[in-house]
Amino acid sequence: MAWRAQLSRSMKELRILFCPSSPESSLTREFIEKNYKELKALNPKLPILIRECTGIEPQLWARYDMGVERGINLKGKVEPQIEKAVEELVKIGGALKR
């Protein structure tokens, strides 16, 4: 899980969007509750934005250098799949030209 400490090296911002009450977002809410503290502790200067919006599908967005953004829909994904999605965004950031 070395990728967890590399978030701040590969991206400028991580945003997690979800609905505070919908069942579709429940797995994303659980992921945030279990993992936010560790991710923030390993990447203290990286903005990790948690955005709640009624009726929205759960999503994960990363902003990289020069305004490049990538997003992944998290609907129906369980914790290991969400971790894999974050890891994928870290790899994308590492592959982008600086």
Protein backbone atom coordinates (compact mmCIF):
# COMPACT_ATOMS: atom_id res chain seq x y z
CA MET A 1 0.00 0.00 0.00
CA ALA A 2 2.90 2.35 -0.71
CA TRP A 3 0.65 4.26 -3.10
CA ARG A 4 -1.19 5.77 -0.11
CA ALA A 5 1.82 7.93 0.77
CA GLN A 6 2.29 8.99 -2.86
CA LEU A 7 -1.02 10.80 -3.32
CA SER A 8 0.54 14.21 -2.77
CA ARG A 9 3.39 13.44 -5.17
CA SER A 10 1.14 12.54 -8.07
CA MET A 11 -1.86 14.88 -7.71
CA LYS A 12 -2.80 18.37 -6.58
CA GLU A 13 -6.21 17.53 -5.11
CA LEU A 14 -8.44 14.55 -4.37
CA ARG A 15 -12.24 15.01 -4.26
CA ILE A 16 -14.78 12.48 -3.11
CA LEU A 17 -18.41 13.25 -3.96
CA PHE A 18 -21.37 11.34 -2.56
CA CYS A 19 -24.95 11.61 -1.33
CA PRO A 20 -25.22 11.76 2.48
CA SER A 21 -28.36 9.62 2.59
CA SER A 22 -28.61 7.36 -0.47
CA PRO A 23 -27.91 3.62 -0.23
CA GLU A 24 -25.80 3.90 -3.42
CA SER A 25 -23.31 6.08 -1.54
CA SER A 26 -23.18 4.01 1.64
CA LEU A 27 -20.06 2.09 0.62
CA THR A 28 -18.29 5.33 -0.26
CA ARG A 29 -19.25 6.82 3.11
CA GLU A 30 -17.84 3.73 4.84
CA PHE A 31 -14.60 4.04 2.85
CA ILE A 32 -14.21 7.65 3.95
CA GLU A 33 -14.89 6.80 7.60
CA LYS A 34 -12.29 4.02 7.57
CA ASN A 35 -9.56 5.58 5.42
CA TYR A 36 -9.66 9.39 5.58
CA LYS A 37 -7.49 9.73 8.72
CA GLU A 38 -4.71 7.54 7.35
CA LEU A 39 -4.72 9.14 3.89
CA LYS A 40 -4.60 12.63 5.42
CA ALA A 41 -1.87 11.65 7.90
CA LEU A 42 0.29 10.30 5.06
CA ASN A 43 -0.44 13.33 2.83
CA PRO A 44 -0.91 16.28 5.20
CA LYS A 45 -0.55 19.00 2.56
CA LEU A 46 -2.81 17.38 -0.04
CA PRO A 47 -6.33 18.78 -0.14
CA ILE A 48 -8.69 15.82 0.28
CA LEU A 49 -12.11 17.32 -0.29
CA ILE A 50 -15.23 15.51 0.89
CA ARG A 51 -18.31 16.84 -0.91
CA GLU A 52 -21.85 15.83 0.01
CA CYS A 53 -24.67 16.55 -2.42
CA THR A 54 -28.16 15.10 -2.27
CA GLY A 55 -28.98 12.85 -5.21
CA ILE A 56 -25.48 12.56 -6.67
CA GLU A 57 -23.81 9.26 -7.55
CA PRO A 58 -20.59 8.60 -5.64
CA GLN A 59 -17.54 9.77 -7.56
CA LEU A 60 -13.80 10.14 -7.10
CA TRP A 61 -11.92 12.98 -8.81
CA ALA A 62 -8.23 13.79 -8.97
CA ARG A 63 -6.77 17.10 -10.16
CA TYR A 64 -3.24 17.01 -11.53
CA ASP A 65 -0.80 19.58 -12.86
CA MET A 66 -1.95 22.04 -15.53
CA GLY A 67 -5.65 21.56 -14.69
CA VAL A 68 -5.88 17.95 -15.86
CA GLU A 69 -8.65 16.05 -14.04
CA ARG A 70 -9.71 12.42 -14.02
CA GLY A 71 -12.84 10.97 -12.44
CA ILE A 72 -14.11 7.51 -11.55
CA ASN A 73 -17.70 6.55 -10.74
CA LEU A 74 -17.86 4.66 -7.43
CA LYS A 75 -21.47 3.46 -7.62
CA GLY A 76 -21.69 -0.09 -6.29
CA LYS A 77 -17.97 -0.36 -5.56
CA VAL A 78 -16.85 -1.95 -2.29
CA GLU A 79 -13.84 -0.82 -0.24
CA PRO A 80 -11.15 -2.83 -2.12
CA GLN A 81 -12.51 -1.53 -5.44
CA ILE A 82 -12.48 2.06 -4.17
CA GLU A 83 -8.89 1.60 -2.97
CA LYS A 84 -8.01 0.26 -6.43
CA ALA A 85 -9.65 3.33 -8.01
CA VAL A 86 -7.56 5.68 -5.84
CA GLU A 87 -4.43 3.70 -6.66
CA GLU A 88 -5.29 3.96 -10.37
CA LEU A 89 -5.56 7.75 -10.07
CA VAL A 90 -2.15 7.82 -8.36
CA LYS A 91 -0.64 5.83 -11.25
CA ILE A 92 -2.23 8.18 -13.79
CA GLY A 93 -0.69 11.14 -12.00
CA GLY A 94 2.71 9.48 -11.97
CA ALA A 95 2.53 8.88 -15.73
CA LEU A 96 1.56 12.46 -16.65
CA LYS A 97 4.30 14.75 -17.95
CA ARG A 98 5.30 17.54 -15.60
